[in-house]
C-alpha atoms as a PDB file:
ATOM      1  CA  MET A   1      49.434 -38.323   1.760  1.00  0.00           C
ATOM      2  CA  LYS A   2      47.333 -36.401  -0.738  1.00  0.00           C
ATOM      3  CA  LEU A   3      43.728 -37.432  -1.343  1.00  0.00           C
ATOM      4  CA  GLU A   4      42.521 -37.125  -4.888  1.00  0.00           C
ATOM      5  CA  SER A   5      39.069 -37.545  -6.318  1.00  0.00           C
ATOM      6  CA  HIS A   6      38.700 -39.939  -9.204  1.00  0.00           C
ATOM      7  CA  LEU A   7      35.307 -38.483 -10.133  1.00  0.00           C
ATOM      8  CA  PRO A   8      35.119 -36.376 -13.268  1.00  0.00           C
ATOM      9  CA  LYS A   9      34.944 -32.594 -12.802  1.00  0.00           C
ATOM     10  CA  GLN A  10      31.391 -31.253 -13.076  1.00  0.00           C
ATOM     11  CA  SER A  11      30.395 -28.198 -14.994  1.00  0.00           C
ATOM     12  CA  PRO A  12      29.637 -25.034 -12.947  1.00  0.00           C
ATOM     13  CA  TRP A  13      26.435 -24.632 -15.000  1.00  0.00           C
ATOM     14  CA  LEU A  14      24.977 -27.518 -13.041  1.00  0.00           C
ATOM     15  CA  TYR A  15      24.895 -25.350  -9.907  1.00  0.00           C
ATOM     16  CA  THR A  16      23.579 -22.197 -11.558  1.00  0.00           C
ATOM     17  CA  ALA A  17      20.301 -23.768 -12.724  1.00  0.00           C
ATOM     18  CA  PRO A  18      18.793 -24.036  -9.193  1.00  0.00           C
ATOM     19  CA  LEU A  19      20.015 -20.523  -8.384  1.00  0.00           C
ATOM     20  CA  LEU A  20      18.426 -19.124 -11.533  1.00  0.00           C
ATOM     21  CA  ASN A  21      15.195 -20.974 -10.749  1.00  0.00           C
ATOM     22  CA  THR A  22      15.097 -19.480  -7.244  1.00  0.00           C
ATOM     23  CA  VAL A  23      15.763 -15.971  -8.524  1.00  0.00           C
ATOM     24  CA  LEU A  24      13.008 -16.233 -11.126  1.00  0.00           C
ATOM     25  CA  LEU A  25      10.509 -17.548  -8.559  1.00  0.00           C
ATOM     26  CA  LEU A  26      11.318 -14.650  -6.230  1.00  0.00           C
ATOM     27  CA  LEU A  27      10.946 -12.197  -9.096  1.00  0.00           C
ATOM     28  CA  VAL A  28       7.516 -13.590  -9.988  1.00  0.00           C
ATOM     29  CA  TYR A  29       6.464 -13.538  -6.325  1.00  0.00           C
ATOM     30  CA  PHE A  30       7.408  -9.883  -5.855  1.00  0.00           C
ATOM     31  CA  LEU A  31       5.834  -8.838  -9.143  1.00  0.00           C
ATOM     32  CA  PHE A  32       2.490 -10.345  -8.188  1.00  0.00           C
ATOM     33  CA  SER A  33       2.518  -9.349  -4.521  1.00  0.00           C
ATOM     34  CA  SER A  34       3.503  -5.706  -5.070  1.00  0.00           C
ATOM     35  CA  GLY A  35       0.120  -4.823  -6.593  1.00  0.00           C
ATOM     36  CA  PHE A  36      -1.827  -5.601  -3.440  1.00  0.00           C
ATOM     37  CA  VAL A  37      -2.799  -2.709  -1.209  1.00  0.00           C
ATOM     38  CA  VAL A  38      -3.621  -3.735   2.338  1.00  0.00           C
ATOM     39  CA  PRO A  39      -7.149  -2.573   3.171  1.00  0.00           C
ATOM     40  CA  SER A  40      -7.779  -1.047   6.558  1.00  0.00           C
ATOM     41  CA  GLY A  41      -9.700  -2.934   9.228  1.00  0.00           C
ATOM     42  CA  ILE A  42     -12.537  -0.394   9.225  1.00  0.00           C
ATOM     43  CA  LYS A  43     -15.624  -1.346   7.217  1.00  0.00           C
ATOM     44  CA  VAL A  44     -16.049   1.196   4.438  1.00  0.00           C
ATOM     45  CA  ASP A  45     -18.482   1.126   1.514  1.00  0.00           C
ATOM     46  CA  HIS A  46     -16.328   2.541  -1.315  1.00  0.00           C
ATOM     47  CA  PRO A  47     -17.766   4.422  -4.270  1.00  0.00           C
ATOM     48  CA  GLN A  48     -17.403   2.795  -7.693  1.00  0.00           C
ATOM     49  CA  SER A  49     -14.975   3.911 -10.399  1.00  0.00           C
ATOM     50  CA  ASN A  50     -13.172   2.528 -13.457  1.00  0.00           C
ATOM     51  CA  SER A  51      -9.857   4.120 -12.426  1.00  0.00           C
ATOM     52  CA  ARG A  52      -6.835   2.075 -11.337  1.00  0.00           C
ATOM     53  CA  LEU A  53      -4.628   2.873  -8.338  1.00  0.00           C
ATOM     54  CA  SER A  54      -0.926   2.219  -8.880  1.00  0.00           C
ATOM     55  CA  GLY A  55       2.208   3.225  -7.039  1.00  0.00           C
ATOM     56  CA  PHE A  56       0.534   3.542  -3.650  1.00  0.00           C
ATOM     57  CA  ASP A  57       1.489   0.151  -2.210  1.00  0.00           C
ATOM     58  CA  ARG A  58       3.375   1.678   0.765  1.00  0.00           C
ATOM     59  CA  ALA A  59       1.160   4.727   1.241  1.00  0.00           C
ATOM     60  CA  HIS A  60      -0.396   5.822   4.519  1.00  0.00           C
ATOM     61  CA  VAL A  61      -4.082   4.938   4.828  1.00  0.00           C
ATOM     62  CA  ILE A  62      -6.553   7.571   6.026  1.00  0.00           C
ATOM     63  CA  THR A  63     -10.021   6.136   6.642  1.00  0.00           C
ATOM     64  CA  ILE A  64     -13.171   8.227   6.982  1.00  0.00           C
ATOM     65  CA  ALA A  65     -16.164   6.280   8.263  1.00  0.00           C
ATOM     66  CA  ALA A  66     -19.797   7.054   7.523  1.00  0.00           C
ATOM     67  CA  GLY A  67     -22.133   8.826   9.880  1.00  0.00           C
ATOM     68  CA  ALA A  68     -22.594  12.235  11.403  1.00  0.00           C
ATOM     69  CA  GLU A  69     -19.462  11.787  13.514  1.00  0.00           C
ATOM     70  CA  SER A  70     -17.338  10.533  10.531  1.00  0.00           C
ATOM     71  CA  ALA A  71     -14.716   8.768  12.591  1.00  0.00           C
ATOM     72  CA  LEU A  72     -11.192   9.343  11.262  1.00  0.00           C
ATOM     73  CA  TYR A  73      -8.398   6.736  11.275  1.00  0.00           C
ATOM     74  CA  PHE A  74      -4.720   7.071  10.325  1.00  0.00           C
ATOM     75  CA  ASP A  75      -3.064   3.733   9.463  1.00  0.00           C
ATOM     76  CA  GLY A  76      -5.791   1.932  11.434  1.00  0.00           C
ATOM     77  CA  VAL A  77      -5.571   4.066  14.600  1.00  0.00           C
ATOM     78  CA  ARG A  78      -8.487   6.364  15.466  1.00  0.00           C
ATOM     79  CA  THR A  79      -7.464  10.003  15.485  1.00  0.00           C
ATOM     80  CA  SER A  80      -8.839  13.527  15.377  1.00  0.00           C
ATOM     81  CA  THR A  81      -8.288  16.092  12.635  1.00  0.00           C
ATOM     82  CA  ALA A  82      -5.651  17.963  14.668  1.00  0.00           C
ATOM     83  CA  GLU A  83      -3.854  14.708  15.541  1.00  0.00           C
ATOM     84  CA  LEU A  84      -3.964  13.684  11.863  1.00  0.00           C
ATOM     85  CA  ARG A  85      -2.179  16.882  10.882  1.00  0.00           C
ATOM     86  CA  GLU A  86       0.539  16.216  13.494  1.00  0.00           C
ATOM     87  CA  LYS A  87       0.924  12.574  12.446  1.00  0.00           C
ATOM     88  CA  LEU A  88       1.262  13.554   8.795  1.00  0.00           C
ATOM     89  CA  LYS A  89       3.893  16.145   9.743  1.00  0.00           C
ATOM     90  CA  ALA A  90       5.779  13.444  11.651  1.00  0.00           C
ATOM     91  CA  HIS A  91       5.645  11.109   8.619  1.00  0.00           C
ATOM     92  CA  ARG A  92       6.980  13.668   6.125  1.00  0.00           C
ATOM     93  CA  GLU A  93      10.211  11.704   5.814  1.00  0.00           C
ATOM     94  CA  GLY A  94       9.935   8.653   3.586  1.00  0.00           C
ATOM     95  CA  GLU A  95       6.767   7.765   1.689  1.00  0.00           C
ATOM     96  CA  ARG A  96       4.727  10.926   1.050  1.00  0.00           C
ATOM     97  CA  ARG A  97       1.618   9.303  -0.322  1.00  0.00           C
ATOM     98  CA  ALA A  98      -1.776   8.843   1.286  1.00  0.00           C
ATOM     99  CA  ILE A  99      -4.816   6.826   0.282  1.00  0.00           C
ATOM    100  CA  ILE A 100      -8.148   8.130   1.513  1.00  0.00           C
ATOM    101  CA  HIS A 101     -10.606   5.302   2.207  1.00  0.00           C
ATOM    102  CA  ALA A 102     -13.828   7.277   2.471  1.00  0.00           C
ATOM    103  CA  ASP A 103     -17.197   5.636   2.894  1.00  0.00           C
ATOM    104  CA  ARG A 104     -19.786   6.455   0.254  1.00  0.00           C
ATOM    105  CA  GLN A 105     -21.980   7.966   2.992  1.00  0.00           C
ATOM    106  CA  ALA A 106     -19.181  10.085   4.523  1.00  0.00           C
ATOM    107  CA  PRO A 107     -19.798  13.830   4.242  1.00  0.00           C
ATOM    108  CA  PHE A 108     -18.090  15.093   1.096  1.00  0.00           C
ATOM    109  CA  GLY A 109     -16.870  18.244   2.829  1.00  0.00           C
ATOM    110  CA  ARG A 110     -15.067  16.103   5.405  1.00  0.00           C
ATOM    111  CA  VAL A 111     -13.385  14.040   2.664  1.00  0.00           C
ATOM    112  CA  VAL A 112     -12.192  17.199   0.889  1.00  0.00           C
ATOM    113  CA  GLU A 113     -10.997  18.713   4.180  1.00  0.00           C
ATOM    114  CA  ILE A 114      -8.869  15.659   5.005  1.00  0.00           C
ATOM    115  CA  GLY A 115      -7.509  15.534   1.448  1.00  0.00           C
ATOM    116  CA  ASN A 116      -6.534  19.199   1.633  1.00  0.00           C
ATOM    117  CA  ILE A 117      -4.689  18.655   4.923  1.00  0.00           C
ATOM    118  CA  ALA A 118      -2.566  15.943   3.299  1.00  0.00           C
ATOM    119  CA  LEU A 119      -2.017  18.006   0.142  1.00  0.00           C
ATOM    120  CA  ASP A 120      -0.968  21.065   2.163  1.00  0.00           C
ATOM    121  CA  LEU A 121       1.695  18.947   3.872  1.00  0.00           C
ATOM    122  CA  GLY A 122       3.108  17.795   0.530  1.00  0.00           C
ATOM    123  CA  PHE A 123       1.517  14.350   0.276  1.00  0.00           C
ATOM    124  CA  GLU A 124       0.217  12.812  -2.933  1.00  0.00           C
ATOM    125  CA  VAL A 125      -3.418  11.862  -2.329  1.00  0.00           C
ATOM    126  CA  ALA A 126      -5.471   9.099  -3.939  1.00  0.00           C
ATOM    127  CA  HIS A 127      -9.076   8.160  -3.205  1.00  0.00           C
ATOM    128  CA  SER A 128      -9.808   4.459  -3.039  1.00  0.00           C
ATOM    129  CA  THR A 129     -12.721   3.081  -5.020  1.00  0.00           C
ATOM    130  CA  VAL A 130     -14.020  -0.293  -6.141  1.00  0.00           C
ATOM    131  CA  PRO A 131     -14.591  -1.382  -9.739  1.00  0.00           C
ATOM    132  CA  PRO A 132     -18.189  -1.283 -10.948  1.00  0.00           C
ATOM    133  CA  LYS A 133     -20.151  -4.509 -10.760  1.00  0.00           C
ATOM    134  CA  SER A 134     -20.613  -6.054 -14.162  1.00  0.00           C
END
């Protein structure tokens, strides 16, 4: 006994509309979410600049806090200058970009020193800033 459907055949286009809608929503989601850079958990007072940072969404974050001690953090974990060099050497594979979150009150020599360490190891370096207040 063969069972047959008496319903009319439906067009395959009926099933592609929800799929297309889902794909477009995912595309919009990833386009808007890719521009966000996750800030570190360390409070830093950034200097102001009109420049825009792009292409560093998966970069390593190096944070330099204010003060005489100028605490140093690599991806949110406190570290020393020697440990930073070793961690950067270990992360040479993959994303070779670093964002330096330096406080406005951090010693400029320290900021340049940390930037030079990353540059010497082949990393692209960007300094994070905030847009000027209008």
